[in-house]
Every structure is written in structure tokens, then in C-alpha cells.
Amino acid sequence: MVIQTISVIGACMVLAAYGLIQSGIWRELDAGYLALNVIGSLLLGVVAVVERQVGFVLLEFAWAGLALLGVARAVKARRQAGTAPLG
């Protein structure tokens, strides 16, 4: 039951981030979007490891890695603009 709850929370986080960016509320370098993507993907990745779902392990940790690249881009953009990182 705990694994199911973690997977639902992770999926909701990723889907919410996607929905908010598609609706134009967030942009690709917004901290909330990046945080939901990274945390949601990591939660789903942990569930995939526990359930021994190799394809999903690859998918979720790759997704989290790509989201972390977005975090790095956001931090770099904010530093170049002279604003606070992710804030």
C-alpha cells in the first residue's frame, strides 16, 4: 500500500508539472515546474526499483536527470540575469 501511495504521489507531481507548463501557468525554467519533475520522477524511480521494473527505472531516472539539467539551466540563467537562484 505504501508503494502504491508513493507511485500515485510521484505520478501526480509529474502530471501536475506537465499540465501547468502546457497551460502556460509555468515556464520550463520555473522552480516549481523543475521541483515537481525532479521529485516526482525520483519517487517513481524508487518505486520502479522496488518493483524491479527495469524499463521504468531507466525512464524515471532519465526523466529526473533531464529535469536536473533544467535546474542547472535555470540557475545559470538567473545568475546571468543577476537574480537569486531558483527564487
PDB file of N, CA and C in Angstrom:
ATOM      1  N   MET A   1       0.826  -1.207   0.000  1.00  0.00           N
ATOM      2  CA  MET A   1       0.000   0.000   0.000  1.00  0.00           C
ATOM      3  C   MET A   1       0.864   1.262   0.000  1.00  0.00           C
ATOM      4  N   VAL A   2       1.976   1.242   0.720  1.00  0.00           N
ATOM      5  CA  VAL A   2       2.866   2.405   0.772  1.00  0.00           C
ATOM      6  C   VAL A   2       3.462   2.664  -0.614  1.00  0.00           C
ATOM      7  N   ILE A   3       3.881   1.611  -1.300  1.00  0.00           N
ATOM      8  CA  ILE A   3       4.462   1.747  -2.632  1.00  0.00           C
ATOM      9  C   ILE A   3       3.446   2.356  -3.591  1.00  0.00           C
ATOM     10  N   GLN A   4       2.199   1.898  -3.511  1.00  0.00           N
ATOM     11  CA  GLN A   4       1.151   2.456  -4.372  1.00  0.00           C
ATOM     12  C   GLN A   4       0.952   3.942  -4.097  1.00  0.00           C
ATOM     13  N   THR A   5       0.940   4.309  -2.838  1.00  0.00           N
ATOM     14  CA  THR A   5       0.759   5.718  -2.457  1.00  0.00           C
ATOM     15  C   THR A   5       1.908   6.567  -2.992  1.00  0.00           C
ATOM     16  N   ILE A   6       3.134   6.086  -2.850  1.00  0.00           N
ATOM     17  CA  ILE A   6       4.300   6.817  -3.350  1.00  0.00           C
ATOM     18  C   ILE A   6       4.213   6.973  -4.863  1.00  0.00           C
ATOM     19  N   SER A   7       3.799   5.904  -5.558  1.00  0.00           N
ATOM     20  CA  SER A   7       3.721   5.982  -7.016  1.00  0.00           C
ATOM     21  C   SER A   7       2.639   6.963  -7.465  1.00  0.00           C
ATOM     22  N   VAL A   8       1.516   6.997  -6.775  1.00  0.00           N
ATOM     23  CA  VAL A   8       0.443   7.934  -7.132  1.00  0.00           C
ATOM     24  C   VAL A   8       0.898   9.375  -6.881  1.00  0.00           C
ATOM     25  N   ILE A   9       1.565   9.616  -5.773  1.00  0.00           N
ATOM     26  CA  ILE A   9       2.067  10.964  -5.475  1.00  0.00           C
ATOM     27  C   ILE A   9       3.079  11.395  -6.537  1.00  0.00           C
ATOM     28  N   GLY A  10       4.009  10.505  -6.869  1.00  0.00           N
ATOM     29  CA  GLY A  10       5.012  10.818  -7.896  1.00  0.00           C
ATOM     30  C   GLY A  10       4.372  11.111  -9.241  1.00  0.00           C
ATOM     31  N   ALA A  11       3.419  10.278  -9.631  1.00  0.00           N
ATOM     32  CA  ALA A  11       2.739  10.480 -10.916  1.00  0.00           C
ATOM     33  C   ALA A  11       1.963  11.789 -10.919  1.00  0.00           C
ATOM     34  N   CYS A  12       1.291  12.097  -9.840  1.00  0.00           N
ATOM     35  CA  CYS A  12       0.534  13.359  -9.753  1.00  0.00           C
ATOM     36  C   CYS A  12       1.458  14.563  -9.849  1.00  0.00           C
ATOM     37  N   MET A  13       2.636  14.468  -9.260  1.00  0.00           N
ATOM     38  CA  MET A  13       3.585  15.575  -9.317  1.00  0.00           C
ATOM     39  C   MET A  13       4.048  15.815 -10.752  1.00  0.00           C
ATOM     40  N   VAL A  14       4.427  14.743 -11.444  1.00  0.00           N
ATOM     41  CA  VAL A  14       4.899  14.872 -12.824  1.00  0.00           C
ATOM     42  C   VAL A  14       3.774  15.376 -13.730  1.00  0.00           C
ATOM     43  N   LEU A  15       2.586  14.821 -13.566  1.00  0.00           N
ATOM     44  CA  LEU A  15       1.456  15.236 -14.391  1.00  0.00           C
ATOM     45  C   LEU A  15       1.040  16.683 -14.105  1.00  0.00           C
ATOM     46  N   ALA A  16       1.084  17.080 -12.840  1.00  0.00           N
ATOM     47  CA  ALA A  16       0.742  18.468 -12.497  1.00  0.00           C
ATOM     48  C   ALA A  16       1.740  19.429 -13.132  1.00  0.00           C
ATOM     49  N   ALA A  17       3.022  19.090 -13.060  1.00  0.00           N
ATOM     50  CA  ALA A  17       4.049  19.943 -13.668  1.00  0.00           C
ATOM     51  C   ALA A  17       3.799  20.070 -15.169  1.00  0.00           C
ATOM     52  N   TYR A  18       3.521  18.961 -15.818  1.00  0.00           N
ATOM     53  CA  TYR A  18       3.275  18.973 -17.256  1.00  0.00           C
ATOM     54  C   TYR A  18       2.024  19.793 -17.583  1.00  0.00           C
ATOM     55  N   GLY A  19       0.980  19.599 -16.821  1.00  0.00           N
ATOM     56  CA  GLY A  19      -0.257  20.342 -17.048  1.00  0.00           C
ATOM     57  C   GLY A  19      -0.079  21.838 -16.870  1.00  0.00           C
ATOM     58  N   LEU A  20       0.662  22.230 -15.853  1.00  0.00           N
ATOM     59  CA  LEU A  20       0.884  23.650 -15.585  1.00  0.00           C
ATOM     60  C   LEU A  20       1.749  24.313 -16.649  1.00  0.00           C
ATOM     61  N   ILE A  21       2.700  23.563 -17.179  1.00  0.00           N
ATOM     62  CA  ILE A  21       3.523  24.147 -18.247  1.00  0.00           C
ATOM     63  C   ILE A  21       2.724  24.209 -19.550  1.00  0.00           C
ATOM     64  N   GLN A  22       1.904  23.209 -19.813  1.00  0.00           N
ATOM     65  CA  GLN A  22       1.099  23.215 -21.028  1.00  0.00           C
ATOM     66  C   GLN A  22       0.033  24.311 -21.000  1.00  0.00           C
ATOM     67  N   SER A  23      -0.450  24.621 -19.818  1.00  0.00           N
ATOM     68  CA  SER A  23      -1.479  25.657 -19.700  1.00  0.00           C
ATOM     69  C   SER A  23      -0.886  27.067 -19.713  1.00  0.00           C
ATOM     70  N   GLY A  24       0.437  27.169 -19.673  1.00  0.00           N
ATOM     71  CA  GLY A  24       1.086  28.465 -19.710  1.00  0.00           C
ATOM     72  C   GLY A  24       1.245  29.126 -18.353  1.00  0.00           C
ATOM     73  N   ILE A  25       0.841  28.434 -17.300  1.00  0.00           N
ATOM     74  CA  ILE A  25       0.984  28.997 -15.950  1.00  0.00           C
ATOM     75  C   ILE A  25       2.454  29.026 -15.534  1.00  0.00           C
ATOM     76  N   TRP A  26       3.165  27.949 -15.867  1.00  0.00           N
ATOM     77  CA  TRP A  26       4.606  27.884 -15.591  1.00  0.00           C
ATOM     78  C   TRP A  26       5.370  27.835 -16.889  1.00  0.00           C
ATOM     79  N   ARG A  27       6.660  28.211 -16.801  1.00  0.00           N
ATOM     80  CA  ARG A  27       7.593  28.090 -17.921  1.00  0.00           C
ATOM     81  C   ARG A  27       8.594  27.009 -17.603  1.00  0.00           C
ATOM     82  N   GLU A  28       9.350  26.584 -18.611  1.00  0.00           N
ATOM     83  CA  GLU A  28      10.237  25.435 -18.452  1.00  0.00           C
ATOM     84  C   GLU A  28      11.350  25.624 -17.425  1.00  0.00           C
ATOM     85  N   LEU A  29      11.695  26.840 -17.092  1.00  0.00           N
ATOM     86  CA  LEU A  29      12.747  27.074 -16.106  1.00  0.00           C
ATOM     87  C   LEU A  29      12.213  27.547 -14.763  1.00  0.00           C
ATOM     88  N   ASP A  30      10.901  27.509 -14.557  1.00  0.00           N
ATOM     89  CA  ASP A  30      10.320  27.878 -13.262  1.00  0.00           C
ATOM     90  C   ASP A  30      10.677  26.835 -12.204  1.00  0.00           C
ATOM     91  N   ALA A  31      10.989  27.313 -11.022  1.00  0.00           N
ATOM     92  CA  ALA A  31      11.422  26.429  -9.934  1.00  0.00           C
ATOM     93  C   ALA A  31      10.367  25.375  -9.591  1.00  0.00           C
ATOM     94  N   GLY A  32       9.100  25.753  -9.548  1.00  0.00           N
ATOM     95  CA  GLY A  32       8.046  24.801  -9.211  1.00  0.00           C
ATOM     96  C   GLY A  32       7.958  23.672 -10.208  1.00  0.00           C
ATOM     97  N   TYR A  33       8.033  24.016 -11.494  1.00  0.00           N
ATOM     98  CA  TYR A  33       7.991  23.003 -12.550  1.00  0.00           C
ATOM     99  C   TYR A  33       9.157  22.027 -12.406  1.00  0.00           C
ATOM    100  N   LEU A  34      10.341  22.570 -12.226  1.00  0.00           N
ATOM    101  CA  LEU A  34      11.528  21.725 -12.112  1.00  0.00           C
ATOM    102  C   LEU A  34      11.475  20.858 -10.860  1.00  0.00           C
ATOM    103  N   ALA A  35      11.031  21.429  -9.750  1.00  0.00           N
ATOM    104  CA  ALA A  35      10.956  20.674  -8.500  1.00  0.00           C
ATOM    105  C   ALA A  35       9.956  19.522  -8.606  1.00  0.00           C
ATOM    106  N   LEU A  36       8.773  19.802  -9.143  1.00  0.00           N
ATOM    107  CA  LEU A  36       7.779  18.732  -9.293  1.00  0.00           C
ATOM    108  C   LEU A  36       8.302  17.624 -10.200  1.00  0.00           C
ATOM    109  N   ASN A  37       8.966  17.993 -11.277  1.00  0.00           N
ATOM    110  CA  ASN A  37       9.515  17.000 -12.187  1.00  0.00           C
ATOM    111  C   ASN A  37      10.590  16.140 -11.527  1.00  0.00           C
ATOM    112  N   VAL A  38      11.530  16.775 -10.863  1.00  0.00           N
ATOM    113  CA  VAL A  38      12.630  16.030 -10.238  1.00  0.00           C
ATOM    114  C   VAL A  38      12.104  15.124  -9.129  1.00  0.00           C
ATOM    115  N   ILE A  39      11.343  15.670  -8.215  1.00  0.00           N
ATOM    116  CA  ILE A  39      10.872  14.888  -7.067  1.00  0.00           C
ATOM    117  C   ILE A  39       9.904  13.793  -7.508  1.00  0.00           C
ATOM    118  N   GLY A  40       8.962  14.134  -8.381  1.00  0.00           N
ATOM    119  CA  GLY A  40       8.019  13.134  -8.870  1.00  0.00           C
ATOM    120  C   GLY A  40       8.711  11.994  -9.589  1.00  0.00           C
ATOM    121  N   SER A  41       9.674  12.316 -10.434  1.00  0.00           N
ATOM    122  CA  SER A  41      10.409  11.289 -11.164  1.00  0.00           C
ATOM    123  C   SER A  41      11.239  10.416 -10.235  1.00  0.00           C
ATOM    124  N   LEU A  42      11.855  11.030  -9.246  1.00  0.00           N
ATOM    125  CA  LEU A  42      12.638  10.239  -8.294  1.00  0.00           C
ATOM    126  C   LEU A  42      11.743   9.298  -7.489  1.00  0.00           C
ATOM    127  N   LEU A  43      10.579   9.773  -7.086  1.00  0.00           N
ATOM    128  CA  LEU A  43       9.645   8.893  -6.374  1.00  0.00           C
ATOM    129  C   LEU A  43       9.243   7.707  -7.248  1.00  0.00           C
ATOM    130  N   LEU A  44       8.899   7.983  -8.501  1.00  0.00           N
ATOM    131  CA  LEU A  44       8.529   6.901  -9.407  1.00  0.00           C
ATOM    132  C   LEU A  44       9.713   5.980  -9.682  1.00  0.00           C
ATOM    133  N   GLY A  45      10.908   6.538  -9.744  1.00  0.00           N
ATOM    134  CA  GLY A  45      12.106   5.720  -9.937  1.00  0.00           C
ATOM    135  C   GLY A  45      12.345   4.777  -8.782  1.00  0.00           C
ATOM    136  N   VAL A  46      12.150   5.260  -7.566  1.00  0.00           N
ATOM    137  CA  VAL A  46      12.306   4.400  -6.380  1.00  0.00           C
ATOM    138  C   VAL A  46      11.288   3.264  -6.413  1.00  0.00           C
ATOM    139  N   VAL A  47      10.054   3.582  -6.763  1.00  0.00           N
ATOM    140  CA  VAL A  47       9.019   2.549  -6.874  1.00  0.00           C
ATOM    141  C   VAL A  47       9.417   1.527  -7.930  1.00  0.00           C
ATOM    142  N   ALA A  48       9.947   1.989  -9.059  1.00  0.00           N
ATOM    143  CA  ALA A  48      10.359   1.084 -10.125  1.00  0.00           C
ATOM    144  C   ALA A  48      11.481   0.163  -9.665  1.00  0.00           C
ATOM    145  N   VAL A  49      12.412   0.688  -8.864  1.00  0.00           N
ATOM    146  CA  VAL A  49      13.495  -0.144  -8.334  1.00  0.00           C
ATOM    147  C   VAL A  49      12.924  -1.207  -7.397  1.00  0.00           C
ATOM    148  N   VAL A  50      12.051  -0.795  -6.491  1.00  0.00           N
ATOM    149  CA  VAL A  50      11.451  -1.741  -5.537  1.00  0.00           C
ATOM    150  C   VAL A  50      10.678  -2.826  -6.275  1.00  0.00           C
ATOM    151  N   GLU A  51       9.964  -2.451  -7.328  1.00  0.00           N
ATOM    152  CA  GLU A  51       9.153  -3.395  -8.087  1.00  0.00           C
ATOM    153  C   GLU A  51       9.945  -4.114  -9.183  1.00  0.00           C
ATOM    154  N   ARG A  52      11.228  -3.802  -9.297  1.00  0.00           N
ATOM    155  CA  ARG A  52      12.122  -4.423 -10.275  1.00  0.00           C
ATOM    156  C   ARG A  52      11.606  -4.284 -11.711  1.00  0.00           C
ATOM    157  N   GLN A  53      11.214  -3.085 -12.047  1.00  0.00           N
ATOM    158  CA  GLN A  53      10.732  -2.757 -13.391  1.00  0.00           C
ATOM    159  C   GLN A  53      11.835  -1.994 -14.113  1.00  0.00           C
ATOM    160  N   VAL A  54      12.708  -2.734 -14.777  1.00  0.00           N
ATOM    161  CA  VAL A  54      13.925  -2.163 -15.353  1.00  0.00           C
ATOM    162  C   VAL A  54      13.616  -1.032 -16.348  1.00  0.00           C
ATOM    163  N   GLY A  55      12.647  -1.217 -17.198  1.00  0.00           N
ATOM    164  CA  GLY A  55      12.309  -0.173 -18.171  1.00  0.00           C
ATOM    165  C   GLY A  55      11.872   1.109 -17.503  1.00  0.00           C
ATOM    166  N   PHE A  56      11.089   0.979 -16.447  1.00  0.00           N
ATOM    167  CA  PHE A  56      10.632   2.162 -15.731  1.00  0.00           C
ATOM    168  C   PHE A  56      11.747   2.789 -14.898  1.00  0.00           C
ATOM    169  N   VAL A  57      12.675   1.975 -14.410  1.00  0.00           N
ATOM    170  CA  VAL A  57      13.843   2.532 -13.715  1.00  0.00           C
ATOM    171  C   VAL A  57      14.595   3.445 -14.679  1.00  0.00           C
ATOM    172  N   LEU A  58      14.854   2.951 -15.870  1.00  0.00           N
ATOM    173  CA  LEU A  58      15.548   3.749 -16.879  1.00  0.00           C
ATOM    174  C   LEU A  58      14.764   5.021 -17.202  1.00  0.00           C
ATOM    175  N   LEU A  59      13.483   4.879 -17.469  1.00  0.00           N
ATOM    176  CA  LEU A  59      12.648   6.025 -17.830  1.00  0.00           C
ATOM    177  C   LEU A  59      12.641   7.086 -16.735  1.00  0.00           C
ATOM    178  N   GLU A  60      12.371   6.700 -15.516  1.00  0.00           N
ATOM    179  CA  GLU A  60      12.189   7.680 -14.439  1.00  0.00           C
ATOM    180  C   GLU A  60      13.485   8.352 -14.031  1.00  0.00           C
ATOM    181  N   PHE A  61      14.585   7.591 -13.976  1.00  0.00           N
ATOM    182  CA  PHE A  61      15.835   8.234 -13.601  1.00  0.00           C
ATOM    183  C   PHE A  61      16.384   9.085 -14.739  1.00  0.00           C
ATOM    184  N   ALA A  62      16.106   8.712 -15.991  1.00  0.00           N
ATOM    185  CA  ALA A  62      16.468   9.568 -17.123  1.00  0.00           C
ATOM    186  C   ALA A  62      15.646  10.850 -17.066  1.00  0.00           C
ATOM    187  N   TRP A  63      14.356  10.728 -16.760  1.00  0.00           N
ATOM    188  CA  TRP A  63      13.473  11.898 -16.659  1.00  0.00           C
ATOM    189  C   TRP A  63      13.980  12.843 -15.555  1.00  0.00           C
ATOM    190  N   ALA A  64      14.346  12.261 -14.418  1.00  0.00           N
ATOM    191  CA  ALA A  64      14.867  13.068 -13.312  1.00  0.00           C
ATOM    192  C   ALA A  64      16.179  13.748 -13.711  1.00  0.00           C
ATOM    193  N   GLY A  65      17.035  13.020 -14.423  1.00  0.00           N
ATOM    194  CA  GLY A  65      18.294  13.604 -14.875  1.00  0.00           C
ATOM    195  C   GLY A  65      18.080  14.766 -15.827  1.00  0.00           C
ATOM    196  N   LEU A  66      17.139  14.607 -16.749  1.00  0.00           N
ATOM    197  CA  LEU A  66      16.823  15.694 -17.672  1.00  0.00           C
ATOM    198  C   LEU A  66      16.250  16.896 -16.925  1.00  0.00           C
ATOM    199  N   ALA A  67      15.441  16.628 -15.922  1.00  0.00           N
ATOM    200  CA  ALA A  67      14.897  17.724 -15.112  1.00  0.00           C
ATOM    201  C   ALA A  67      16.019  18.437 -14.357  1.00  0.00           C
ATOM    202  N   LEU A  68      17.008  17.690 -13.897  1.00  0.00           N
ATOM    203  CA  LEU A  68      18.138  18.314 -13.210  1.00  0.00           C
ATOM    204  C   LEU A  68      18.957  19.182 -14.166  1.00  0.00           C
ATOM    205  N   LEU A  69      19.036  18.781 -15.434  1.00  0.00           N
ATOM    206  CA  LEU A  69      19.679  19.646 -16.426  1.00  0.00           C
ATOM    207  C   LEU A  69      18.917  20.970 -16.546  1.00  0.00           C
ATOM    208  N   GLY A  70      17.599  20.890 -16.459  1.00  0.00           N
ATOM    209  CA  GLY A  70      16.787  22.108 -16.457  1.00  0.00           C
ATOM    210  C   GLY A  70      17.072  22.979 -15.257  1.00  0.00           C
ATOM    211  N   VAL A  71      17.278  22.358 -14.105  1.00  0.00           N
ATOM    212  CA  VAL A  71      17.632  23.114 -12.902  1.00  0.00           C
ATOM    213  C   VAL A  71      18.954  23.850 -13.130  1.00  0.00           C
ATOM    214  N   ALA A  72      19.918  23.149 -13.705  1.00  0.00           N
ATOM    215  CA  ALA A  72      21.219  23.777 -13.975  1.00  0.00           C
ATOM    216  C   ALA A  72      21.057  24.951 -14.946  1.00  0.00           C
ATOM    217  N   ARG A  73      20.231  24.782 -15.976  1.00  0.00           N
ATOM    218  CA  ARG A  73      19.973  25.878 -16.918  1.00  0.00           C
ATOM    219  C   ARG A  73      19.311  27.052 -16.228  1.00  0.00           C
ATOM    220  N   ALA A  74      18.372  26.764 -15.341  1.00  0.00           N
ATOM    221  CA  ALA A  74      17.661  27.835 -14.630  1.00  0.00           C
ATOM    222  C   ALA A  74      18.605  28.610 -13.722  1.00  0.00           C
ATOM    223  N   VAL A  75      19.461  27.899 -13.011  1.00  0.00           N
ATOM    224  CA  VAL A  75      20.413  28.557 -12.118  1.00  0.00           C
ATOM    225  C   VAL A  75      21.365  29.431 -12.934  1.00  0.00           C
ATOM    226  N   LYS A  76      21.855  28.892 -14.048  1.00  0.00           N
ATOM    227  CA  LYS A  76      22.763  29.659 -14.911  1.00  0.00           C
ATOM    228  C   LYS A  76      22.070  30.907 -15.459  1.00  0.00           C
ATOM    229  N   ALA A  77      20.831  30.766 -15.914  1.00  0.00           N
ATOM    230  CA  ALA A  77      20.090  31.908 -16.465  1.00  0.00           C
ATOM    231  C   ALA A  77      19.859  32.971 -15.407  1.00  0.00           C
ATOM    232  N   ARG A  78      19.548  32.556 -14.198  1.00  0.00           N
ATOM    233  CA  ARG A  78      19.306  33.526 -13.131  1.00  0.00           C
ATOM    234  C   ARG A  78      20.585  34.235 -12.710  1.00  0.00           C
ATOM    235  N   ARG A  79      21.678  33.492 -12.715  1.00  0.00           N
ATOM    236  CA  ARG A  79      22.960  34.131 -12.373  1.00  0.00           C
ATOM    237  C   ARG A  79      23.353  35.161 -13.433  1.00  0.00           C
ATOM    238  N   GLN A  80      23.131  34.823 -14.697  1.00  0.00           N
ATOM    239  CA  GLN A  80      23.459  35.759 -15.759  1.00  0.00           C
ATOM    240  C   GLN A  80      22.545  36.985 -15.735  1.00  0.00           C
ATOM    241  N   ALA A  81      21.306  36.778 -15.273  1.00  0.00           N
ATOM    242  CA  ALA A  81      20.362  37.896 -15.194  1.00  0.00           C
ATOM    243  C   ALA A  81      20.550  38.702 -13.911  1.00  0.00           C
ATOM    244  N   GLY A  82      21.370  38.174 -12.990  1.00  0.00           N
ATOM    245  CA  GLY A  82      21.629  38.882 -11.740  1.00  0.00           C
ATOM    246  C   GLY A  82      20.528  38.733 -10.705  1.00  0.00           C
ATOM    247  N   THR A  83      19.725  37.659 -10.807  1.00  0.00           N
ATOM    248  CA  THR A  83      18.668  37.409  -9.837  1.00  0.00           C
ATOM    249  C   THR A  83      19.046  36.228  -8.958  1.00  0.00           C
ATOM    250  N   ALA A  84      18.296  36.037  -7.883  1.00  0.00           N
ATOM    251  CA  ALA A  84      18.569  34.936  -6.957  1.00  0.00           C
ATOM    252  C   ALA A  84      18.292  33.599  -7.626  1.00  0.00           C
ATOM    253  N   PRO A  85      19.121  32.574  -7.335  1.00  0.00           N
ATOM    254  CA  PRO A  85      18.910  31.249  -7.909  1.00  0.00           C
ATOM    255  C   PRO A  85      17.566  30.654  -7.508  1.00  0.00           C
ATOM    256  N   LEU A  86      16.825  30.191  -8.485  1.00  0.00           N
ATOM    257  CA  LEU A  86      15.550  29.495  -8.282  1.00  0.00           C
ATOM    258  C   LEU A  86      14.615  30.204  -7.321  1.00  0.00           C
ATOM    259  N   GLY A  87      14.633  31.458  -7.285  1.00  0.00           N
ATOM    260  CA  GLY A  87      13.743  32.123  -6.363  1.00  0.00           C
ATOM    261  C   GLY A  87      13.183  33.315  -6.934  1.00  0.00           C
TER     262      GLY A  87
END
